[in-house]
C-alpha atoms as a PDB file:
ATOM      1  CA  MET A   1     119.306  73.529  63.291  1.00  0.00           C
ATOM      2  CA  SER A   2     115.186  73.536  63.968  1.00  0.00           C
ATOM      3  CA  SER A   3     113.745  76.737  64.172  1.00  0.00           C
ATOM      4  CA  THR A   4     112.824  78.306  67.943  1.00  0.00           C
ATOM      5  CA  PRO A   5     109.128  79.655  68.426  1.00  0.00           C
ATOM      6  CA  ALA A   6     110.367  82.783  68.448  1.00  0.00           C
ATOM      7  CA  GLN A   7     111.879  82.518  65.102  1.00  0.00           C
ATOM      8  CA  LEU A   8     109.075  80.940  63.573  1.00  0.00           C
ATOM      9  CA  GLY A   9     107.300  84.354  65.394  1.00  0.00           C
ATOM     10  CA  TYR A  10     105.433  82.355  68.173  1.00  0.00           C
ATOM     11  CA  SER A  11     105.208  84.619  71.374  1.00  0.00           C
ATOM     12  CA  MET A  12     103.172  83.604  74.728  1.00  0.00           C
ATOM     13  CA  PRO A  13      99.836  85.771  75.454  1.00  0.00           C
ATOM     14  CA  ALA A  14      99.184  87.525  78.602  1.00  0.00           C
ATOM     15  CA  GLU A  15      96.702  85.733  80.905  1.00  0.00           C
ATOM     16  CA  TRP A  16      94.001  88.040  80.619  1.00  0.00           C
ATOM     17  CA  ALA A  17      93.833  87.488  76.801  1.00  0.00           C
ATOM     18  CA  PRO A  18      90.866  85.879  75.606  1.00  0.00           C
ATOM     19  CA  HIS A  19      90.883  82.362  76.452  1.00  0.00           C
ATOM     20  CA  ARG A  20      89.390  79.095  74.881  1.00  0.00           C
ATOM     21  CA  GLY A  21      89.639  77.311  78.190  1.00  0.00           C
ATOM     22  CA  THR A  22      91.240  76.402  81.357  1.00  0.00           C
ATOM     23  CA  TRP A  23      93.268  73.238  82.114  1.00  0.00           C
ATOM     24  CA  LEU A  24      93.114  71.735  85.514  1.00  0.00           C
ATOM     25  CA  SER A  25      94.296  68.103  86.805  1.00  0.00           C
ATOM     26  CA  TRP A  26      91.650  66.964  89.278  1.00  0.00           C
ATOM     27  CA  PRO A  27      93.598  66.510  92.767  1.00  0.00           C
ATOM     28  CA  HIS A  28      93.587  62.573  93.722  1.00  0.00           C
ATOM     29  CA  LYS A  29      97.135  62.689  95.632  1.00  0.00           C
ATOM     30  CA  GLU A  30      96.214  62.721  99.381  1.00  0.00           C
ATOM     31  CA  ALA A  31      99.641  62.823 100.691  1.00  0.00           C
ATOM     32  CA  SER A  32      99.345  66.601  99.077  1.00  0.00           C
ATOM     33  CA  TRP A  33      96.837  67.371 101.509  1.00  0.00           C
ATOM     34  CA  PRO A  34      97.743  64.864 104.034  1.00  0.00           C
ATOM     35  CA  GLY A  35      94.782  65.132 106.684  1.00  0.00           C
ATOM     36  CA  ARG A  36      93.018  67.562 104.949  1.00  0.00           C
ATOM     37  CA  PHE A  37      92.448  66.176 101.512  1.00  0.00           C
ATOM     38  CA  GLU A  38      88.561  65.920 101.680  1.00  0.00           C
ATOM     39  CA  PRO A  39      87.451  69.544 101.177  1.00  0.00           C
ATOM     40  CA  VAL A  40      90.034  70.065  98.124  1.00  0.00           C
ATOM     41  CA  PRO A  41      87.559  68.317  95.628  1.00  0.00           C
ATOM     42  CA  GLY A  42      85.179  70.842  96.219  1.00  0.00           C
ATOM     43  CA  ILE A  43      87.071  73.716  96.019  1.00  0.00           C
ATOM     44  CA  PHE A  44      87.960  72.317  92.571  1.00  0.00           C
ATOM     45  CA  ALA A  45      84.337  71.946  91.820  1.00  0.00           C
ATOM     46  CA  ARG A  46      83.646  75.740  92.496  1.00  0.00           C
ATOM     47  CA  MET A  47      86.058  76.745  90.374  1.00  0.00           C
ATOM     48  CA  VAL A  48      84.863  74.823  87.415  1.00  0.00           C
ATOM     49  CA  GLN A  49      81.550  75.974  88.290  1.00  0.00           C
ATOM     50  CA  LEU A  50      82.852  79.370  88.060  1.00  0.00           C
ATOM     51  CA  LEU A  51      84.856  79.478  84.795  1.00  0.00           C
ATOM     52  CA  SER A  52      82.633  77.041  82.857  1.00  0.00           C
ATOM     53  CA  ASP A  53      80.199  79.908  82.860  1.00  0.00           C
ATOM     54  CA  ALA A  54      82.468  82.060  80.113  1.00  0.00           C
ATOM     55  CA  GLU A  55      85.431  79.496  79.257  1.00  0.00           C
ATOM     56  CA  GLU A  56      85.756  75.588  78.384  1.00  0.00           C
ATOM     57  CA  VAL A  57      87.371  73.803  81.486  1.00  0.00           C
ATOM     58  CA  HIS A  58      89.623  70.700  80.670  1.00  0.00           C
ATOM     59  CA  ILE A  59      90.551  68.505  83.331  1.00  0.00           C
ATOM     60  CA  ASN A  60      92.593  65.567  83.209  1.00  0.00           C
ATOM     61  CA  VAL A  61      91.597  62.638  84.889  1.00  0.00           C
ATOM     62  CA  SER A  62      93.205  58.938  85.339  1.00  0.00           C
ATOM     63  CA  GLY A  63      90.369  57.271  83.614  1.00  0.00           C
ATOM     64  CA  PRO A  64      86.331  56.685  83.195  1.00  0.00           C
ATOM     65  CA  GLU A  65      85.916  55.834  86.744  1.00  0.00           C
ATOM     66  CA  MET A  66      87.525  59.386  88.234  1.00  0.00           C
ATOM     67  CA  GLU A  67      85.998  60.731  85.139  1.00  0.00           C
ATOM     68  CA  GLN A  68      82.330  59.629  86.801  1.00  0.00           C
ATOM     69  CA  GLN A  69      83.663  60.538  90.404  1.00  0.00           C
ATOM     70  CA  VAL A  70      84.364  64.193  89.037  1.00  0.00           C
ATOM     71  CA  ARG A  71      81.088  64.904  87.364  1.00  0.00           C
ATOM     72  CA  ARG A  72      78.756  63.671  90.629  1.00  0.00           C
ATOM     73  CA  LEU A  73      81.249  66.842  92.307  1.00  0.00           C
ATOM     74  CA  LEU A  74      80.280  69.258  89.972  1.00  0.00           C
ATOM     75  CA  LEU A  75      77.895  72.036  91.467  1.00  0.00           C
ATOM     76  CA  PRO A  76      74.761  73.653  90.103  1.00  0.00           C
ATOM     77  CA  GLY A  77      75.256  76.355  87.669  1.00  0.00           C
ATOM     78  CA  THR A  78      78.221  74.637  86.128  1.00  0.00           C
ATOM     79  CA  ARG A  79      77.975  74.405  82.184  1.00  0.00           C
ATOM     80  CA  PRO A  80      77.809  70.758  81.211  1.00  0.00           C
ATOM     81  CA  ALA A  81      78.762  71.614  77.456  1.00  0.00           C
ATOM     82  CA  ASN A  82      81.871  73.698  78.645  1.00  0.00           C
ATOM     83  CA  VAL A  83      83.263  70.809  80.693  1.00  0.00           C
ATOM     84  CA  ARG A  84      85.796  68.440  78.897  1.00  0.00           C
ATOM     85  CA  PHE A  85      87.553  65.526  80.620  1.00  0.00           C
ATOM     86  CA  HIS A  86      90.663  63.956  79.118  1.00  0.00           C
ATOM     87  CA  HIS A  87      92.047  60.508  80.576  1.00  0.00           C
ATOM     88  CA  PHE A  88      95.191  61.637  81.187  1.00  0.00           C
ATOM     89  CA  PRO A  89      96.718  60.176  84.384  1.00  0.00           C
ATOM     90  CA  THR A  90      98.740  62.644  86.496  1.00  0.00           C
ATOM     91  CA  ASN A  91     100.793  62.552  89.823  1.00  0.00           C
ATOM     92  CA  ASP A  92      99.490  65.258  91.161  1.00  0.00           C
ATOM     93  CA  ALA A  93      97.043  68.310  90.619  1.00  0.00           C
ATOM     94  CA  TRP A  94      99.664  70.975  90.081  1.00  0.00           C
ATOM     95  CA  CYS A  95      98.399  72.235  86.495  1.00  0.00           C
ATOM     96  CA  ARG A  96     100.195  75.548  86.067  1.00  0.00           C
ATOM     97  CA  ASP A  97     104.021  73.610  86.746  1.00  0.00           C
ATOM     98  CA  HIS A  98     103.139  70.477  84.467  1.00  0.00           C
ATOM     99  CA  GLY A  99     100.726  71.525  82.131  1.00  0.00           C
ATOM    100  CA  PRO A 100     100.735  72.814  78.369  1.00  0.00           C
ATOM    101  CA  ILE A 101     102.082  76.245  77.935  1.00  0.00           C
ATOM    102  CA  PHE A 102     100.341  77.691  74.636  1.00  0.00           C
ATOM    103  CA  VAL A 103     102.427  80.280  72.426  1.00  0.00           C
ATOM    104  CA  GLN A 104     100.590  81.941  68.993  1.00  0.00           C
ATOM    105  CA  ARG A 105     101.608  83.089  66.159  1.00  0.00           C
ATOM    106  CA  HIS A 106      99.819  85.611  63.634  1.00  0.00           C
ATOM    107  CA  THR A 107      99.691  84.344  59.970  1.00  0.00           C
ATOM    108  CA  PRO A 108      97.965  85.551  56.518  1.00  0.00           C
ATOM    109  CA  SER A 109      95.528  82.755  57.208  1.00  0.00           C
ATOM    110  CA  GLY A 110      94.895  83.466  60.871  1.00  0.00           C
ATOM    111  CA  VAL A 111      96.315  82.581  64.410  1.00  0.00           C
ATOM    112  CA  GLU A 112      98.266  79.502  64.955  1.00  0.00           C
ATOM    113  CA  GLN A 113      99.149  77.763  68.014  1.00  0.00           C
ATOM    114  CA  ALA A 114     102.044  75.563  69.742  1.00  0.00           C
ATOM    115  CA  ILE A 115     102.893  73.937  73.046  1.00  0.00           C
ATOM    116  CA  VAL A 116     105.898  74.433  74.683  1.00  0.00           C
ATOM    117  CA  ASP A 117     106.559  71.046  76.767  1.00  0.00           C
ATOM    118  CA  TRP A 118     109.345  72.515  79.265  1.00  0.00           C
ATOM    119  CA  GLY A 119     111.001  69.318  81.411  1.00  0.00           C
ATOM    120  CA  TYR A 120     109.396  69.017  84.709  1.00  0.00           C
ATOM    121  CA  ASN A 121     110.957  67.282  87.838  1.00  0.00           C
ATOM    122  CA  ALA A 122     108.714  68.348  90.866  1.00  0.00           C
ATOM    123  CA  TRP A 123     110.500  71.330  91.710  1.00  0.00           C
ATOM    124  CA  GLY A 124     113.682  69.825  92.289  1.00  0.00           C
ATOM    125  CA  ASP A 125     113.285  66.500  92.810  1.00  0.00           C
ATOM    126  CA  LYS A 126     111.288  66.928  95.659  1.00  0.00           C
ATOM    127  CA  TYR A 127     107.911  64.541  95.335  1.00  0.00           C
ATOM    128  CA  PRO A 128     109.110  61.537  92.795  1.00  0.00           C
ATOM    129  CA  PRO A 129     107.329  60.394  90.803  1.00  0.00           C
ATOM    130  CA  TYR A 130     106.138  62.740  88.253  1.00  0.00           C
ATOM    131  CA  ASP A 131     106.934  60.950  84.975  1.00  0.00           C
ATOM    132  CA  LEU A 132     102.989  61.139  84.298  1.00  0.00           C
ATOM    133  CA  ASP A 133     102.930  64.868  84.738  1.00  0.00           C
ATOM    134  CA  ASP A 134     105.758  65.322  82.780  1.00  0.00           C
ATOM    135  CA  VAL A 135     104.188  64.363  79.607  1.00  0.00           C
ATOM    136  CA  ILE A 136     100.960  66.039  79.985  1.00  0.00           C
ATOM    137  CA  PRO A 137     101.833  68.750  77.528  1.00  0.00           C
ATOM    138  CA  SER A 138     102.430  66.512  74.770  1.00  0.00           C
ATOM    139  CA  ARG A 139      99.457  64.370  75.545  1.00  0.00           C
ATOM    140  CA  VAL A 140      97.013  67.397  75.078  1.00  0.00           C
ATOM    141  CA  GLY A 141      99.400  68.196  71.670  1.00  0.00           C
ATOM    142  CA  THR A 142      98.639  64.523  70.170  1.00  0.00           C
ATOM    143  CA  GLU A 143      95.321  65.147  71.170  1.00  0.00           C
ATOM    144  CA  TYR A 144      94.752  68.082  69.499  1.00  0.00           C
ATOM    145  CA  GLY A 145      97.361  68.306  66.775  1.00  0.00           C
ATOM    146  CA  ILE A 146      99.013  70.835  68.129  1.00  0.00           C
ATOM    147  CA  PRO A 147     102.792  71.438  66.896  1.00  0.00           C
ATOM    148  CA  VAL A 148     104.832  71.017  70.828  1.00  0.00           C
ATOM    149  CA  PHE A 149     108.191  72.311  71.273  1.00  0.00           C
ATOM    150  CA  HIS A 150     110.469  70.608  73.597  1.00  0.00           C
ATOM    151  CA  PRO A 151     113.436  72.847  74.899  1.00  0.00           C
ATOM    152  CA  GLY A 152     114.977  70.493  76.892  1.00  0.00           C
ATOM    153  CA  ILE A 153     115.323  72.033  80.111  1.00  0.00           C
ATOM    154  CA  VAL A 154     113.046  72.157  83.798  1.00  0.00           C
ATOM    155  CA  MET A 155     110.771  75.082  83.700  1.00  0.00           C
ATOM    156  CA  GLU A 156     107.689  75.619  85.846  1.00  0.00           C
ATOM    157  CA  GLY A 157     104.627  77.846  84.769  1.00  0.00           C
ATOM    158  CA  GLY A 158     104.588  79.155  88.166  1.00  0.00           C
ATOM    159  CA  SER A 159     107.779  80.431  87.968  1.00  0.00           C
ATOM    160  CA  ILE A 160     107.405  82.731  84.942  1.00  0.00           C
ATOM    161  CA  ASP A 161     104.680  85.434  84.217  1.00  0.00           C
ATOM    162  CA  VAL A 162     104.307  87.543  81.206  1.00  0.00           C
ATOM    163  CA  ASN A 163     102.620  90.863  79.986  1.00  0.00           C
ATOM    164  CA  GLY A 164     101.757  89.717  76.385  1.00  0.00           C
ATOM    165  CA  ALA A 165     104.087  92.547  75.178  1.00  0.00           C
ATOM    166  CA  GLY A 166     107.230  91.490  75.577  1.00  0.00           C
ATOM    167  CA  SER A 167     108.344  91.015  78.857  1.00  0.00           C
ATOM    168  CA  LEU A 168     108.584  88.218  81.424  1.00  0.00           C
ATOM    169  CA  LEU A 169     108.852  88.475  85.398  1.00  0.00           C
ATOM    170  CA  THR A 170     110.446  85.644  87.108  1.00  0.00           C
ATOM    171  CA  THR A 171     113.101  85.044  90.312  1.00  0.00           C
ATOM    172  CA  GLU A 172     115.961  84.378  91.107  1.00  0.00           C
ATOM    173  CA  ALA A 173     115.516  82.230  93.776  1.00  0.00           C
ATOM    174  CA  CYS A 174     113.758  80.028  91.575  1.00  0.00           C
ATOM    175  CA  LEU A 175     115.749  79.621  87.724  1.00  0.00           C
ATOM    176  CA  LEU A 176     118.787  80.081  89.397  1.00  0.00           C
ATOM    177  CA  ASN A 177     118.475  77.376  91.992  1.00  0.00           C
ATOM    178  CA  PRO A 178     120.763  74.322  91.527  1.00  0.00           C
ATOM    179  CA  ASN A 179     118.027  71.670  91.426  1.00  0.00           C
ATOM    180  CA  ARG A 180     116.313  72.549  88.250  1.00  0.00           C
ATOM    181  CA  ASN A 181     119.123  73.604  85.552  1.00  0.00           C
ATOM    182  CA  PRO A 182     122.963  73.638  87.190  1.00  0.00           C
ATOM    183  CA  GLN A 183     124.170  73.691  83.581  1.00  0.00           C
ATOM    184  CA  LEU A 184     122.944  76.642  82.698  1.00  0.00           C
ATOM    185  CA  SER A 185     123.858  80.518  83.439  1.00  0.00           C
ATOM    186  CA  LYS A 186     121.443  83.178  84.113  1.00  0.00           C
ATOM    187  CA  ARG A 187     121.894  84.649  80.415  1.00  0.00           C
ATOM    188  CA  GLN A 188     121.257  81.145  79.056  1.00  0.00           C
ATOM    189  CA  ILE A 189     118.334  80.791  81.080  1.00  0.00           C
ATOM    190  CA  GLU A 190     117.132  84.181  79.152  1.00  0.00           C
ATOM    191  CA  GLN A 191     117.739  83.010  76.225  1.00  0.00           C
ATOM    192  CA  TYR A 192     115.521  80.118  76.536  1.00  0.00           C
ATOM    193  CA  LEU A 193     112.743  81.998  77.501  1.00  0.00           C
ATOM    194  CA  GLU A 194     113.510  84.680  74.853  1.00  0.00           C
ATOM    195  CA  ASP A 195     113.334  81.529  71.871  1.00  0.00           C
ATOM    196  CA  TYR A 196     110.899  79.438  73.606  1.00  0.00           C
ATOM    197  CA  LEU A 197     107.911  82.305  74.946  1.00  0.00           C
ATOM    198  CA  GLY A 198     108.980  85.117  72.529  1.00  0.00           C
ATOM    199  CA  VAL A 199     109.846  87.623  75.185  1.00  0.00           C
ATOM    200  CA  ARG A 200     112.706  90.019  74.972  1.00  0.00           C
ATOM    201  CA  HIS A 201     112.887  91.642  78.477  1.00  0.00           C
ATOM    202  CA  ILE A 202     113.669  89.258  81.424  1.00  0.00           C
ATOM    203  CA  LEU A 203     112.750  91.175  84.952  1.00  0.00           C
ATOM    204  CA  TRP A 204     114.624  89.486  87.642  1.00  0.00           C
ATOM    205  CA  LEU A 205     112.886  89.382  91.543  1.00  0.00           C
ATOM    206  CA  GLY A 206     114.440  87.986  94.284  1.00  0.00           C
ATOM    207  CA  ASP A 207     113.632  85.457  96.824  1.00  0.00           C
ATOM    208  CA  GLY A 208     110.160  84.281  97.308  1.00  0.00           C
ATOM    209  CA  ILE A 209     108.299  84.025 100.242  1.00  0.00           C
ATOM    210  CA  GLU A 210     108.372  81.373 103.655  1.00  0.00           C
ATOM    211  CA  GLY A 211     106.708  78.179 102.948  1.00  0.00           C
ATOM    212  CA  ASP A 212     106.842  77.989  99.406  1.00  0.00           C
ATOM    213  CA  ASP A 213     108.228  74.533  98.385  1.00  0.00           C
ATOM    214  CA  THR A 214     109.152  75.875  94.444  1.00  0.00           C
ATOM    215  CA  ASP A 215     112.146  77.897  95.401  1.00  0.00           C
ATOM    216  CA  GLY A 216     110.113  81.157  95.031  1.00  0.00           C
ATOM    217  CA  HIS A 217     107.679  80.991  92.234  1.00  0.00           C
ATOM    218  CA  VAL A 218     106.833  84.567  90.925  1.00  0.00           C
ATOM    219  CA  ASP A 219     102.921  83.944  90.963  1.00  0.00           C
ATOM    220  CA  ASP A 220     103.218  83.906  95.105  1.00  0.00           C
ATOM    221  CA  LEU A 221     104.999  87.799  94.380  1.00  0.00           C
ATOM    222  CA  THR A 222     104.191  89.576  91.499  1.00  0.00           C
ATOM    223  CA  ARG A 223     101.396  89.494  88.492  1.00  0.00           C
ATOM    224  CA  PHE A 224     101.369  91.177  85.521  1.00  0.00           C
ATOM    225  CA  VAL A 225      97.551  92.678  85.408  1.00  0.00           C
ATOM    226  CA  ASP A 226      97.910  94.718  81.972  1.00  0.00           C
ATOM    227  CA  PRO A 227     100.811  95.242  79.727  1.00  0.00           C
ATOM    228  CA  THR A 228     102.296  97.821  81.932  1.00  0.00           C
ATOM    229  CA  THR A 229     100.956  97.058  85.669  1.00  0.00           C
ATOM    230  CA  VAL A 230     102.535  94.820  88.305  1.00  0.00           C
ATOM    231  CA  VAL A 231     100.820  93.732  91.918  1.00  0.00           C
ATOM    232  CA  THR A 232     102.881  92.411  94.199  1.00  0.00           C
ATOM    233  CA  VAL A 233     102.477  91.034  97.538  1.00  0.00           C
ATOM    234  CA  VAL A 234     104.086  93.409 100.720  1.00  0.00           C
ATOM    235  CA  GLU A 235     104.035  92.177 104.273  1.00  0.00           C
ATOM    236  CA  GLU A 236     103.952  95.017 106.659  1.00  0.00           C
ATOM    237  CA  ASP A 237     105.365  93.508 110.032  1.00  0.00           C
ATOM    238  CA  PRO A 238     109.063  94.005 109.889  1.00  0.00           C
ATOM    239  CA  ALA A 239     109.268  90.846 112.204  1.00  0.00           C
ATOM    240  CA  ASP A 240     107.665  88.826 110.050  1.00  0.00           C
ATOM    241  CA  THR A 241     110.173  86.648 107.886  1.00  0.00           C
ATOM    242  CA  ASN A 242     108.713  87.742 104.704  1.00  0.00           C
ATOM    243  CA  TYR A 243     109.195  91.342 105.121  1.00  0.00           C
ATOM    244  CA  GLU A 244     113.020  91.866 103.906  1.00  0.00           C
ATOM    245  CA  PRO A 245     112.544  89.524 100.789  1.00  0.00           C
ATOM    246  CA  LEU A 246     109.143  91.197 100.065  1.00  0.00           C
ATOM    247  CA  GLN A 247     110.520  94.356 100.364  1.00  0.00           C
ATOM    248  CA  GLU A 248     113.555  94.000  98.126  1.00  0.00           C
ATOM    249  CA  ASN A 249     111.329  92.817  95.518  1.00  0.00           C
ATOM    250  CA  LEU A 250     109.370  95.830  96.110  1.00  0.00           C
ATOM    251  CA  LYS A 251     112.311  98.201  95.520  1.00  0.00           C
ATOM    252  CA  ARG A 252     113.290  95.980  92.508  1.00  0.00           C
ATOM    253  CA  LEU A 253     110.011  96.624  91.124  1.00  0.00           C
ATOM    254  CA  GLY A 254     110.528 100.401  91.496  1.00  0.00           C
ATOM    255  CA  SER A 255     113.718 100.897  89.101  1.00  0.00           C
ATOM    256  CA  MET A 256     111.966  98.301  86.487  1.00  0.00           C
ATOM    257  CA  LYS A 257     110.806  99.073  82.855  1.00  0.00           C
ATOM    258  CA  ASP A 258     108.853  97.443  80.570  1.00  0.00           C
ATOM    259  CA  GLN A 259     110.433  96.455  77.132  1.00  0.00           C
ATOM    260  CA  ASP A 260     109.707  99.647  75.496  1.00  0.00           C
ATOM    261  CA  GLY A 261     111.681 101.273  78.579  1.00  0.00           C
ATOM    262  CA  ARG A 262     108.749 102.581  80.339  1.00  0.00           C
ATOM    263  CA  PRO A 263     108.478 102.439  84.274  1.00  0.00           C
ATOM    264  CA  LEU A 264     106.178  99.698  85.771  1.00  0.00           C
ATOM    265  CA  ARG A 265     103.209 101.026  87.143  1.00  0.00           C
ATOM    266  CA  VAL A 266     103.213  99.226  90.857  1.00  0.00           C
ATOM    267  CA  ILE A 267     100.325  98.214  92.758  1.00  0.00           C
ATOM    268  CA  THR A 268     100.555  96.319  96.279  1.00  0.00           C
ATOM    269  CA  LEU A 269      98.489  93.731  97.637  1.00  0.00           C
ATOM    270  CA  PRO A 270      98.573  92.761 101.367  1.00  0.00           C
ATOM    271  CA  MET A 271      99.711  89.555 102.548  1.00  0.00           C
ATOM    272  CA  PRO A 272      97.413  87.360 104.751  1.00  0.00           C
ATOM    273  CA  ARG A 273      98.289  86.882 108.312  1.00  0.00           C
ATOM    274  CA  ARG A 274     100.758  84.332 108.806  1.00  0.00           C
ATOM    275  CA  LEU A 275      98.929  80.738 108.078  1.00  0.00           C
ATOM    276  CA  GLU A 276     100.087  77.177 109.850  1.00  0.00           C
ATOM    277  CA  HIS A 277      99.498  74.025 110.026  1.00  0.00           C
ATOM    278  CA  GLU A 278     100.949  71.393 112.391  1.00  0.00           C
ATOM    279  CA  GLY A 279     103.418  74.099 112.963  1.00  0.00           C
ATOM    280  CA  GLN A 280     104.514  74.216 109.145  1.00  0.00           C
ATOM    281  CA  ARG A 281     104.318  77.861 107.625  1.00  0.00           C
ATOM    282  CA  LEU A 282     102.272  77.762 104.536  1.00  0.00           C
ATOM    283  CA  PRO A 283     102.542  80.105 101.305  1.00  0.00           C
ATOM    284  CA  ALA A 284      99.323  81.801 101.792  1.00  0.00           C
ATOM    285  CA  SER A 285      99.503  84.856  99.104  1.00  0.00           C
ATOM    286  CA  TYR A 286      97.160  87.063  97.396  1.00  0.00           C
ATOM    287  CA  ALA A 287      98.647  87.057  94.235  1.00  0.00           C
ATOM    288  CA  ASN A 288      98.147  83.464  93.460  1.00  0.00           C
ATOM    289  CA  PHE A 289      94.893  84.812  91.902  1.00  0.00           C
ATOM    290  CA  TYR A 290      93.896  83.107  88.133  1.00  0.00           C
ATOM    291  CA  ILE A 291      92.073  85.632  85.571  1.00  0.00           C
ATOM    292  CA  GLY A 292      89.670  83.686  83.720  1.00  0.00           C
ATOM    293  CA  ASN A 293      87.758  85.255  80.813  1.00  0.00           C
ATOM    294  CA  SER A 294      84.676  86.520  82.815  1.00  0.00           C
ATOM    295  CA  VAL A 295      85.873  86.034  86.781  1.00  0.00           C
ATOM    296  CA  VAL A 296      89.372  86.777  88.665  1.00  0.00           C
ATOM    297  CA  LEU A 297      89.707  83.495  91.259  1.00  0.00           C
ATOM    298  CA  LEU A 298      91.087  84.574  94.521  1.00  0.00           C
ATOM    299  CA  PRO A 299      92.222  82.819  97.435  1.00  0.00           C
ATOM    300  CA  THR A 300      91.191  83.982 100.606  1.00  0.00           C
ATOM    301  CA  TYR A 301      92.733  83.249 104.070  1.00  0.00           C
ATOM    302  CA  ASP A 302      92.249  86.404 106.197  1.00  0.00           C
ATOM    303  CA  THR A 303      88.872  88.201 107.107  1.00  0.00           C
ATOM    304  CA  ARG A 304      90.683  91.408 107.971  1.00  0.00           C
ATOM    305  CA  ARG A 305      92.863  91.481 104.758  1.00  0.00           C
ATOM    306  CA  ASP A 306      90.711  89.583 102.018  1.00  0.00           C
ATOM    307  CA  GLY A 307      88.498  92.983 101.546  1.00  0.00           C
ATOM    308  CA  GLU A 308      91.459  94.787 100.942  1.00  0.00           C
ATOM    309  CA  ALA A 309      92.756  92.194  98.258  1.00  0.00           C
ATOM    310  CA  ILE A 310      89.593  91.665  96.409  1.00  0.00           C
ATOM    311  CA  ASP A 311      88.897  95.660  96.181  1.00  0.00           C
ATOM    312  CA  THR A 312      92.174  96.163  94.846  1.00  0.00           C
ATOM    313  CA  LEU A 313      91.954  93.623  92.091  1.00  0.00           C
ATOM    314  CA  GLN A 314      88.194  94.779  91.253  1.00  0.00           C
ATOM    315  CA  ARG A 315      89.470  98.197  90.525  1.00  0.00           C
ATOM    316  CA  LEU A 316      92.262  96.404  87.818  1.00  0.00           C
ATOM    317  CA  PHE A 317      89.775  93.977  86.546  1.00  0.00           C
ATOM    318  CA  PRO A 318      86.757  95.929  85.876  1.00  0.00           C
ATOM    319  CA  THR A 319      85.024  94.084  83.325  1.00  0.00           C
ATOM    320  CA  ARG A 320      85.608  90.955  85.571  1.00  0.00           C
ATOM    321  CA  ARG A 321      84.402  89.650  88.340  1.00  0.00           C
ATOM    322  CA  VAL A 322      86.692  89.268  91.678  1.00  0.00           C
ATOM    323  CA  VAL A 323      85.520  86.480  93.318  1.00  0.00           C
ATOM    324  CA  GLY A 324      86.887  85.628  96.765  1.00  0.00           C
ATOM    325  CA  ILE A 325      87.187  81.496  97.937  1.00  0.00           C
ATOM    326  CA  ASP A 326      88.476  80.452 100.972  1.00  0.00           C
ATOM    327  CA  CYS A 327      91.934  78.541 100.125  1.00  0.00           C
ATOM    328  CA  THR A 328      93.406  77.643 103.659  1.00  0.00           C
ATOM    329  CA  ASP A 329      92.395  74.028 102.644  1.00  0.00           C
ATOM    330  CA  LEU A 330      93.906  74.238  99.750  1.00  0.00           C
ATOM    331  CA  VAL A 331      97.081  75.658 100.315  1.00  0.00           C
ATOM    332  CA  TRP A 332      97.989  73.005 102.954  1.00  0.00           C
ATOM    333  CA  GLY A 333      98.993  71.459  99.366  1.00  0.00           C
ATOM    334  CA  LEU A 334     101.424  74.470  99.341  1.00  0.00           C
ATOM    335  CA  GLY A 335      99.410  76.233  96.278  1.00  0.00           C
ATOM    336  CA  ALA A 336      96.335  78.124  95.366  1.00  0.00           C
ATOM    337  CA  PHE A 337      94.170  78.955  92.185  1.00  0.00           C
ATOM    338  CA  HIS A 338      97.181  80.012  89.949  1.00  0.00           C
ATOM    339  CA  CYS A 339      99.112  76.913  91.004  1.00  0.00           C
ATOM    340  CA  VAL A 340      96.570  74.459  89.830  1.00  0.00           C
ATOM    341  CA  SER A 341      95.117  76.137  86.579  1.00  0.00           C
ATOM    342  CA  GLN A 342      96.918  76.784  82.892  1.00  0.00           C
ATOM    343  CA  GLN A 343      95.026  78.963  80.517  1.00  0.00           C
ATOM    344  CA  TRP A 344      94.469  77.881  77.000  1.00  0.00           C
ATOM    345  CA  PRO A 345      94.491  81.383  75.025  1.00  0.00           C
ATOM    346  CA  ALA A 346      91.997  81.737  72.144  1.00  0.00           C
ATOM    347  CA  LEU A 347      92.697  81.677  68.715  1.00  0.00           C
END
């Protein structure tokens, strides 16, 4: 029987740990943003500009033609030497969920890395085809000569968040949904997380927010910002459908402890005001930020509440610049900055 990553000493670093780079899959599927695709590549270009200042940005494109199209979109101030293109075709742009999950271990000769290639089924077979997305982690491993582990179960990067010290946050709504791994019990799913990500303490939240087609990804709800601190979104309007599930999650967090038995420090973020497009509630959330080496990319939606979210995160990340970018167009695809990015930890 093959050894698991945990048995071999691997674990998943926290997102704020130093990056070699960030992986993106360039948007091309107009059906993901029906009628509002045009501004989306420009939002990605702004991400590349900001991230490339302090880390590599690795971009999956369909081939040379798309690479040239993207190169023409890059903004002034982008560091071209830090932008790398990979001719790995994708079905869609949600690299958090289909991209490589990197794990690391420390050895006498230095830090070694591996990739965990979970199965990917487009959030319960909602948006076929997804065959190109499903093989991205293994293609990355092949290109860079990085060992790849295949757990053999469905799991998305947006459904988990780690503190890099042994704890992992997730939700019952997503991981226990029968459209993912109906053959597995809760404890069996925990075992996979422990075996493949090197965590030892699983923290379960409940339901996600309205409009989230991922069935409750934790990256729209609650995020670690240091080993003992989380930020979690709350809705202040009791009449809003998000009020009860977010209050329940806040209550759960209040009784949670980390892997060493220390209570979590819980900081709240507001929710943007209800955002709809063509009568559909969109999953706009300030929790869907991405932590780069020098910046924190924060999706903004609501001039009345954006400032509070920026100020809160700036206090929590004093060595990084928190940059708010309007994502009212991007979130029409039902995701924001964290959903489209995947960190590559530095060795």
